Amino acid sequence: MSEPHGVDKARTRWVAVAALCLASIAAAFQIGKAPAALPDIRAELGLSLEDGVWIVSIFNLLGLSLGMVAGALADRLGHRRLIVFGFLCLAVASFWGAAADSFTVLLAGRVLEGLGFIVLVSAAPALLIAYSARRHHRLVFGFYSGYWPAGVAVMVLITPLVMDHAGWRGLWNLNGALMLLVLAVVFAATRAAPRAGPQTGPAREGPSFVLALRTFLHAGPVTLALTFGFYSSIHIAVVALLPTFYTEAGGLDLAAASALTALVAVVNVGGNIAAGIAMHRGVPRTHLVVGTFVLMAVSAFLIYDDGQSFAVRLGAAVFLSFIAGAIPASLFSATSVFAPAPNLVGATTGLMMQGSQLGQLLGPVAMAWVVATTGSWNFAPVTLISAAVAGIALTILLHAMERRAAPGSGHFTASRRLL
């Protein structure tokens, strides 16, 4: 299979861009399908709650441990090849999971799904750069960065309908078939790429795997990953614990709380797109990120302030999720700026994925610990506001790194060695 050599940077291949965005959304289906199906899976296979948690959360562990490795492999072996490999892993694992008769077999399928997901979303950004004109990069990443909430929200909405007719095994089989279908679309849309100059897209001969892994020694990618981690710790903590908060402090039943949580999660996509349009029209990335962290902190305070009406608190949660979408859109658009070399965008993206997964693991735990220790949801914003302050500091540091880059030396100059 041939790897695209890059494209004429005077134009953007929108069909290929759309296909790659669709690919990542479809990959995120695998995250969204498990939580709603978990009660039926536990009942049929006789799983404990602890077993069920592993079925849902194994993606976080894999992302935390393999993100940069997957990105480095994509840089070395070819991003398009790794996307195909990722889809095949997702398809095989879904069919495998549908036939599972035990926790061990189902978990093994989820591990393979997690591997496919991490490989795919680590490789896609480098191809998006290759298939889009530089003037469209920020707009493209505005659309792309909404893949996670879009994919999860779609699957949360259709899972009950599918399970009513085909059960959770039918849901797994449907996802396997969808992965093969989307793979065919992506394969066709990215097959023919016009040739261009040597520095306009992913290099044909990738860097050595060891060199790619050294991305974690560079200040730019590490700072980018930590910034993404603080963002994800805020967003996922709010979304993940919202059903509990609404049932405990808001007096809602679980169905109503879950529906409102789905609304809060899905509006994040609108924020991604709005940020991409704003950057495309010239709004500085740093202003967007810093302003978003500030607004997230204010919103977090309002969400958990029991002196506010329920409408205000719900509105604050919706606004937080919407405005939060500006951060992934901004940070994904910065991968080509802070990658140590043009052919290390995949490794840089993978490191960002690790930062995101770390935030998703620690954010809910930290907020739950504060609430349990103080005995009140009023103190929940402490961790969220602290993360926002840290995110602002890191964003200012990223801006300083970018400004210190040697003028006129190219796009990949902002990353400096830590050691």
Protein backbone atom coordinates (compact mmCIF):
# COMPACT_ATOMS: atom_id res chain seq x y z
CA MET A 1 0.00 0.00 0.00
CA SER A 2 1.45 3.31 -1.01
CA GLU A 3 1.72 6.19 1.40
CA PRO A 4 0.60 9.66 0.27
CA HIS A 5 3.55 11.91 -0.41
CA GLY A 6 1.79 15.15 0.44
CA VAL A 7 -0.41 17.48 -1.51
CA ASP A 8 -0.36 20.75 -3.34
CA LYS A 9 -0.58 23.20 -0.44
CA ALA A 10 -2.51 25.68 -2.59
CA ARG A 11 -5.68 23.63 -2.06
CA THR A 12 -7.30 21.36 0.47
CA ARG A 13 -8.67 17.90 -0.35
CA TRP A 14 -11.92 18.30 1.57
CA VAL A 15 -13.17 14.80 0.76
CA ALA A 16 -10.08 13.30 2.37
CA VAL A 17 -10.37 15.66 5.35
CA ALA A 18 -14.03 14.73 5.84
CA ALA A 19 -13.19 11.03 5.62
CA LEU A 20 -10.47 11.34 8.27
CA CYS A 21 -12.82 13.24 10.59
CA LEU A 22 -15.43 10.52 10.04
CA ALA A 23 -12.79 7.89 10.81
CA SER A 24 -12.03 9.37 14.23
CA ILE A 25 -15.72 9.82 15.05
CA ALA A 26 -16.34 6.17 14.17
CA ALA A 27 -13.39 5.13 16.34
CA ALA A 28 -14.94 7.05 19.25
CA PHE A 29 -18.09 4.93 18.85
CA GLN A 30 -16.16 2.23 20.69
CA ILE A 31 -15.90 4.46 23.76
CA GLY A 32 -19.57 5.39 23.73
CA LYS A 33 -21.00 1.92 23.24
CA ALA A 34 -19.76 0.35 26.49
CA PRO A 35 -21.29 2.45 29.34
CA ALA A 36 -24.92 2.11 28.25
CA ALA A 37 -24.52 -1.59 27.45
CA LEU A 38 -22.71 -2.40 30.70
CA PRO A 39 -25.77 -3.41 32.80
CA ASP A 40 -26.82 -6.03 30.19
CA ILE A 41 -23.24 -7.27 29.80
CA ARG A 42 -22.85 -7.70 33.55
CA ALA A 43 -26.15 -9.53 33.84
CA GLU A 44 -25.41 -11.96 30.99
CA LEU A 45 -21.78 -12.70 31.82
CA GLY A 46 -22.13 -12.46 35.59
CA LEU A 47 -19.57 -9.69 35.97
CA SER A 48 -18.89 -7.75 39.14
CA LEU A 49 -18.98 -3.96 39.20
CA GLU A 50 -15.16 -3.94 39.28
CA ASP A 51 -15.07 -6.11 36.15
CA GLY A 52 -17.51 -3.76 34.46
CA VAL A 53 -15.38 -0.73 35.25
CA TRP A 54 -12.45 -2.37 33.46
CA ILE A 55 -14.59 -2.96 30.36
CA VAL A 56 -15.33 0.77 30.23
CA SER A 57 -12.03 2.28 31.39
CA ILE A 58 -9.43 0.10 29.64
CA PHE A 59 -9.27 2.74 26.85
CA ASN A 60 -7.90 5.30 29.33
CA LEU A 61 -5.16 2.96 30.50
CA LEU A 62 -4.13 2.10 26.94
CA GLY A 63 -4.14 5.75 25.90
CA LEU A 64 -2.00 6.69 28.87
CA SER A 65 0.56 3.95 28.25
CA LEU A 66 0.63 3.67 24.43
CA GLY A 67 -0.28 7.10 23.03
CA MET A 68 3.17 8.26 21.97
CA VAL A 69 4.26 4.74 20.97
CA ALA A 70 1.30 4.58 18.57
CA GLY A 71 2.13 8.02 17.18
CA ALA A 72 5.80 7.09 16.79
CA LEU A 73 4.84 3.91 14.92
CA ALA A 74 2.65 5.96 12.60
CA ASP A 75 5.53 8.36 11.91
CA ARG A 76 7.82 5.43 11.18
CA LEU A 77 5.57 3.04 9.25
CA GLY A 78 3.18 5.46 7.56
CA HIS A 79 0.11 7.21 8.87
CA ARG A 80 -2.27 5.80 6.28
CA ARG A 81 -1.06 2.25 6.91
CA LEU A 82 -1.58 2.68 10.65
CA ILE A 83 -5.11 4.04 10.15
CA VAL A 84 -5.98 0.93 8.14
CA PHE A 85 -4.41 -1.23 10.85
CA GLY A 86 -6.39 0.64 13.50
CA PHE A 87 -9.70 0.05 11.70
CA LEU A 88 -8.93 -3.64 11.25
CA CYS A 89 -8.21 -3.90 14.98
CA LEU A 90 -11.52 -2.17 15.77
CA ALA A 91 -13.50 -4.41 13.41
CA VAL A 92 -11.93 -7.69 14.52
CA ALA A 93 -12.23 -6.75 18.19
CA SER A 94 -15.92 -5.82 17.85
CA PHE A 95 -16.80 -9.15 16.20
CA TRP A 96 -14.63 -10.94 18.77
CA GLY A 97 -16.33 -9.18 21.65
CA ALA A 98 -19.77 -10.03 20.25
CA ALA A 99 -18.90 -13.72 20.62
CA ALA A 100 -17.37 -13.38 24.11
CA ASP A 101 -18.53 -15.85 26.73
CA SER A 102 -16.41 -14.59 29.63
CA PHE A 103 -14.91 -11.47 31.16
CA THR A 104 -11.42 -12.43 29.95
CA VAL A 105 -12.46 -12.79 26.32
CA LEU A 106 -14.48 -9.58 26.34
CA LEU A 107 -11.68 -7.64 28.03
CA ALA A 108 -9.17 -8.94 25.48
CA GLY A 109 -11.45 -7.62 22.74
CA ARG A 110 -11.66 -4.25 24.47
CA VAL A 111 -7.86 -4.12 24.71
CA LEU A 112 -7.62 -4.69 20.95
CA GLU A 113 -10.29 -2.02 20.38
CA GLY A 114 -8.34 0.38 22.56
CA LEU A 115 -5.18 -0.29 20.57
CA GLY A 116 -7.01 0.38 17.29
CA PHE A 117 -8.51 3.59 18.65
CA ILE A 118 -5.20 4.98 19.93
CA VAL A 119 -3.36 4.12 16.72
CA LEU A 120 -6.05 5.71 14.56
CA VAL A 121 -6.46 9.01 16.41
CA SER A 122 -2.68 9.38 16.80
CA ALA A 123 -2.10 8.95 13.07
CA ALA A 124 -4.99 11.02 11.70
CA PRO A 125 -3.70 14.56 12.49
CA ALA A 126 -0.54 14.13 10.42
CA LEU A 127 -2.64 13.08 7.44
CA LEU A 128 -4.98 16.03 7.97
CA ILE A 129 -1.94 18.30 7.67
CA ALA A 130 -0.87 16.49 4.49
CA TYR A 131 -4.28 16.80 2.85
CA SER A 132 -5.00 20.43 3.74
CA ALA A 133 -3.52 23.76 2.77
CA ARG A 134 -1.67 25.49 5.57
CA ARG A 135 -4.17 28.35 5.56
CA HIS A 136 -6.90 25.81 6.38
CA HIS A 137 -5.09 23.91 9.16
CA ARG A 138 -6.83 25.67 12.03
CA LEU A 139 -10.25 25.32 10.42
CA VAL A 140 -9.64 21.63 9.70
CA PHE A 141 -8.58 20.90 13.26
CA GLY A 142 -11.61 22.76 14.54
CA PHE A 143 -13.76 20.16 12.78
CA TYR A 144 -11.50 17.23 13.65
CA SER A 145 -11.15 17.93 17.36
CA GLY A 146 -14.85 17.27 17.97
CA TYR A 147 -14.47 13.57 17.12
CA TRP A 148 -14.57 12.36 20.73
CA PRO A 149 -17.79 14.06 21.94
CA ALA A 150 -19.47 13.52 18.56
CA GLY A 151 -18.69 9.80 18.44
CA VAL A 152 -19.60 9.19 22.08
CA ALA A 153 -22.84 11.20 21.82
CA VAL A 154 -23.99 9.37 18.68
CA MET A 155 -23.37 5.98 20.26
CA VAL A 156 -25.03 6.97 23.55
CA LEU A 157 -28.14 7.96 21.58
CA ILE A 158 -28.39 4.87 19.35
CA THR A 159 -27.26 2.23 21.86
CA PRO A 160 -30.67 1.85 23.55
CA LEU A 161 -32.40 1.50 20.16
CA VAL A 162 -29.97 -1.14 18.92
CA MET A 163 -30.05 -3.08 22.17
CA ASP A 164 -33.85 -3.18 22.18
CA HIS A 165 -33.72 -5.13 18.92
CA ALA A 166 -30.38 -6.97 18.94
CA GLY A 167 -28.95 -6.84 22.46
CA TRP A 168 -25.43 -5.83 23.34
CA ARG A 169 -23.93 -8.50 21.07
CA GLY A 170 -25.82 -7.00 18.15
CA LEU A 171 -24.40 -3.62 19.12
CA TRP A 172 -20.87 -5.03 18.99
CA ASN A 173 -21.53 -6.71 15.60
CA LEU A 174 -23.00 -3.48 14.22
CA ASN A 175 -19.87 -1.60 15.25
CA GLY A 176 -17.67 -4.21 13.57
CA ALA A 177 -19.58 -3.78 10.31
CA LEU A 178 -19.45 0.01 10.61
CA MET A 179 -15.68 -0.08 11.07
CA LEU A 180 -15.26 -2.01 7.82
CA LEU A 181 -17.60 0.37 6.00
CA VAL A 182 -15.82 3.50 7.24
CA LEU A 183 -12.45 1.89 6.46
CA ALA A 184 -13.56 1.47 2.83
CA VAL A 185 -14.60 5.14 2.69
CA VAL A 186 -11.31 6.35 4.19
CA PHE A 187 -9.25 4.02 1.99
CA ALA A 188 -10.93 5.38 -1.15
CA ALA A 189 -10.84 9.03 -0.08
CA THR A 190 -7.12 9.01 0.78
CA ARG A 191 -5.82 6.70 -1.92
CA ALA A 192 -4.86 9.25 -4.57
CA ALA A 193 -2.79 12.14 -3.18
CA PRO A 194 -0.98 14.53 -5.55
CA ARG A 195 2.76 14.66 -5.09
CA ALA A 196 4.29 17.80 -3.60
CA GLY A 197 7.55 19.09 -2.21
CA PRO A 198 9.46 17.17 0.44
CA GLN A 199 8.35 19.31 3.39
CA THR A 200 4.63 19.67 2.63
CA GLY A 201 3.40 16.45 4.16
CA PRO A 202 4.45 13.36 6.09
CA ALA A 203 7.83 12.18 4.94
CA ARG A 204 7.95 8.99 2.83
CA GLU A 205 10.83 7.67 4.91
CA GLY A 206 9.84 8.07 8.54
CA PRO A 207 12.18 8.74 11.43
CA SER A 208 13.72 5.91 13.41
CA PHE A 209 11.44 4.61 16.14
CA VAL A 210 13.95 5.62 18.82
CA LEU A 211 14.14 9.16 17.44
CA ALA A 212 10.34 9.38 17.43
CA LEU A 213 10.16 8.28 21.06
CA ARG A 214 12.59 11.05 21.99
CA THR A 215 9.74 13.48 21.37
CA PHE A 216 9.09 13.32 25.12
CA LEU A 217 12.48 15.02 25.67
CA HIS A 218 11.32 18.18 23.92
CA ALA A 219 9.72 20.96 25.91
CA GLY A 220 7.12 21.90 23.27
CA PRO A 221 5.39 18.51 22.92
CA VAL A 222 5.55 17.85 26.68
CA THR A 223 4.03 21.25 27.51
CA LEU A 224 1.38 20.73 24.84
CA ALA A 225 0.50 17.34 26.35
CA LEU A 226 0.28 18.72 29.89
CA THR A 227 -1.96 21.57 28.73
CA PHE A 228 -4.25 19.05 27.05
CA GLY A 229 -4.20 17.02 30.28
CA PHE A 230 -5.40 19.92 32.42
CA TYR A 231 -8.17 20.67 29.91
CA SER A 232 -9.38 17.06 29.84
CA SER A 233 -9.23 16.80 33.63
CA ILE A 234 -11.74 19.66 33.87
CA HIS A 235 -14.09 18.61 31.10
CA ILE A 236 -14.26 14.91 31.90
CA ALA A 237 -14.61 15.51 35.65
CA VAL A 238 -17.66 17.70 35.05
CA VAL A 239 -19.26 15.35 32.49
CA ALA A 240 -18.43 12.07 34.26
CA LEU A 241 -19.70 13.15 37.67
CA LEU A 242 -22.67 15.20 36.46
CA PRO A 243 -25.21 12.32 36.75
CA THR A 244 -24.11 11.74 40.35
CA PHE A 245 -24.25 15.47 41.11
CA TYR A 246 -27.73 15.88 39.61
CA THR A 247 -29.13 12.86 41.46
CA GLU A 248 -27.52 13.75 44.79
CA ALA A 249 -27.69 17.54 44.81
CA GLY A 250 -30.32 18.25 42.16
CA GLY A 251 -32.90 15.66 43.15
CA LEU A 252 -33.29 14.28 39.60
CA ASP A 253 -33.86 10.66 38.68
CA LEU A 254 -31.11 8.82 36.80
CA ALA A 255 -32.86 8.98 33.41
CA ALA A 256 -33.24 12.77 33.56
CA ALA A 257 -29.70 13.22 34.86
CA SER A 258 -28.28 11.05 32.06
CA ALA A 259 -30.21 12.95 29.38
CA LEU A 260 -28.93 16.30 30.66
CA THR A 261 -25.40 14.91 30.83
CA ALA A 262 -25.62 13.81 27.18
CA LEU A 263 -26.68 17.36 26.27
CA VAL A 264 -23.75 18.82 28.18
CA ALA A 265 -21.32 16.43 26.46
CA VAL A 266 -22.51 16.93 22.89
CA VAL A 267 -22.36 20.75 22.85
CA ASN A 268 -18.57 20.40 23.08
CA VAL A 269 -18.61 19.66 19.35
CA GLY A 270 -20.02 23.13 18.65
CA GLY A 271 -17.17 24.68 20.60
CA ASN A 272 -14.62 22.74 18.54
CA ILE A 273 -16.08 24.00 15.28
CA ALA A 274 -16.51 27.57 16.51
CA ALA A 275 -12.86 27.67 17.63
CA GLY A 276 -11.67 26.38 14.27
CA ILE A 277 -13.62 29.11 12.47
CA ALA A 278 -12.31 31.75 14.89
CA MET A 279 -8.68 30.71 14.37
CA HIS A 280 -9.20 30.54 10.61
CA ARG A 281 -10.37 34.17 10.77
CA GLY A 282 -7.28 35.24 12.64
CA VAL A 283 -8.07 34.95 16.36
CA PRO A 284 -4.77 34.04 18.06
CA ARG A 285 -4.60 30.51 19.44
CA THR A 286 -3.16 31.71 22.76
CA HIS A 287 -6.03 34.15 23.33
CA LEU A 288 -8.55 31.40 22.70
CA VAL A 289 -6.96 28.94 25.10
CA VAL A 290 -6.32 31.39 27.94
CA GLY A 291 -9.79 32.91 27.60
CA THR A 292 -11.35 29.45 27.57
CA PHE A 293 -9.58 28.36 30.75
CA VAL A 294 -10.79 31.54 32.48
CA LEU A 295 -14.39 30.98 31.37
CA MET A 296 -14.24 27.31 32.38
CA ALA A 297 -13.13 28.30 35.88
CA VAL A 298 -15.98 30.80 36.24
CA SER A 299 -18.48 28.25 34.90
CA ALA A 300 -17.21 25.57 37.29
CA PHE A 301 -17.83 27.88 40.22
CA LEU A 302 -21.43 28.49 39.09
CA ILE A 303 -22.21 24.82 38.42
CA TYR A 304 -21.61 23.82 42.03
CA ASP A 305 -22.84 26.97 43.77
CA ASP A 306 -25.97 25.88 45.66
CA GLY A 307 -27.00 29.52 45.93
CA GLN A 308 -27.82 29.54 42.22
CA SER A 309 -31.02 28.26 40.62
CA PHE A 310 -30.98 24.91 38.84
CA ALA A 311 -31.40 26.68 35.47
CA VAL A 312 -28.28 28.78 36.09
CA ARG A 313 -26.26 25.75 37.17
CA LEU A 314 -27.36 23.71 34.16
CA GLY A 315 -26.66 26.66 31.85
CA ALA A 316 -23.17 26.97 33.34
CA ALA A 317 -22.49 23.26 32.69
CA VAL A 318 -23.66 23.54 29.08
CA PHE A 319 -21.58 26.69 28.58
CA LEU A 320 -18.48 25.10 30.14
CA SER A 321 -18.66 22.12 27.80
CA PHE A 322 -19.30 24.32 24.76
CA ILE A 323 -16.50 26.80 25.41
CA ALA A 324 -14.13 23.98 26.40
CA GLY A 325 -14.19 22.83 22.78
CA ALA A 326 -11.89 25.73 21.88
CA ILE A 327 -8.95 24.08 23.64
CA PRO A 328 -8.58 20.77 21.75
CA ALA A 329 -9.18 22.60 18.46
CA SER A 330 -6.39 25.04 19.35
CA LEU A 331 -3.93 22.46 20.64
CA PHE A 332 -4.39 20.05 17.72
CA SER A 333 -3.69 22.93 15.36
CA ALA A 334 -0.42 23.51 17.21
CA THR A 335 1.02 20.02 16.73
CA SER A 336 2.89 20.99 13.56
CA VAL A 337 4.32 24.03 15.36
CA PHE A 338 5.70 22.17 18.37
CA ALA A 339 6.65 18.84 16.79
CA PRO A 340 10.47 18.50 16.90
CA ALA A 341 10.47 17.76 13.15
CA PRO A 342 7.93 17.66 10.30
CA ASN A 343 7.87 13.86 10.38
CA LEU A 344 7.20 13.70 14.14
CA VAL A 345 3.67 15.10 14.15
CA GLY A 346 2.30 11.62 14.91
CA ALA A 347 4.55 11.17 17.94
CA THR A 348 3.61 14.65 19.18
CA THR A 349 -0.09 13.89 18.76
CA GLY A 350 0.38 10.57 20.57
CA LEU A 351 2.04 12.36 23.47
CA MET A 352 -0.92 14.74 23.58
CA MET A 353 -3.22 11.72 23.75
CA GLN A 354 -1.26 10.49 26.77
CA GLY A 355 -1.69 13.86 28.45
CA SER A 356 -5.42 13.76 27.70
CA GLN A 357 -5.81 10.26 29.14
CA LEU A 358 -3.85 11.22 32.26
CA GLY A 359 -6.20 14.15 32.82
CA GLN A 360 -9.24 11.93 32.26
CA LEU A 361 -7.96 9.48 34.87
CA LEU A 362 -6.97 12.02 37.52
CA GLY A 363 -9.61 14.74 37.08
CA PRO A 364 -12.70 12.80 38.27
CA VAL A 365 -10.70 11.09 41.02
CA ALA A 366 -9.41 14.41 42.39
CA MET A 367 -12.83 16.07 42.34
CA ALA A 368 -14.54 13.04 43.90
CA TRP A 369 -11.90 13.02 46.67
CA VAL A 370 -12.53 16.70 47.44
CA VAL A 371 -16.30 16.18 47.56
CA ALA A 372 -15.98 13.07 49.74
CA THR A 373 -13.49 14.75 52.09
CA THR A 374 -15.46 17.96 52.54
CA GLY A 375 -18.87 16.32 52.37
CA SER A 376 -20.16 19.01 50.02
CA TRP A 377 -20.34 19.63 46.28
CA ASN A 378 -19.69 23.30 46.99
CA PHE A 379 -15.97 22.52 47.12
CA ALA A 380 -15.92 20.60 43.83
CA PRO A 381 -14.64 23.64 41.83
CA VAL A 382 -11.38 23.67 43.82
CA THR A 383 -9.74 21.05 41.60
CA LEU A 384 -11.28 22.47 38.42
CA ILE A 385 -10.15 26.03 39.06
CA SER A 386 -6.66 24.81 40.06
CA ALA A 387 -6.42 22.90 36.76
CA ALA A 388 -7.55 25.98 34.84
CA VAL A 389 -4.85 28.13 36.47
CA ALA A 390 -2.21 25.53 35.62
CA GLY A 391 -3.51 25.38 32.04
CA ILE A 392 -3.23 29.16 31.70
CA ALA A 393 0.36 29.11 32.95
CA LEU A 394 1.30 26.35 30.48
CA THR A 395 -0.41 28.17 27.59
CA ILE A 396 1.61 31.31 28.32
CA LEU A 397 4.74 29.14 28.37
CA LEU A 398 3.82 27.66 24.98
CA HIS A 399 3.33 31.16 23.59
CA ALA A 400 6.76 32.17 24.86
CA MET A 401 8.34 29.10 23.23
CA GLU A 402 6.71 29.90 19.92
CA ARG A 403 7.85 33.54 20.04
CA ARG A 404 11.43 32.49 20.84
CA ALA A 405 11.53 30.31 17.73
CA ALA A 406 13.99 31.58 15.16
CA PRO A 407 12.07 33.78 12.67
CA GLY A 408 11.98 32.55 9.11
CA SER A 409 13.37 29.12 9.94
CA GLY A 410 10.17 27.25 9.17
CA HIS A 411 7.12 25.91 10.89
CA PHE A 412 8.79 23.31 13.13
CA THR A 413 11.03 25.49 15.27
CA ALA A 414 9.28 26.02 18.57
CA SER A 415 10.34 22.79 20.28
CA ARG A 416 13.47 22.77 22.44
CA ARG A 417 15.19 19.85 24.13
CA LEU A 418 14.51 19.37 27.84
CA LEU A 419 17.69 17.36 28.31
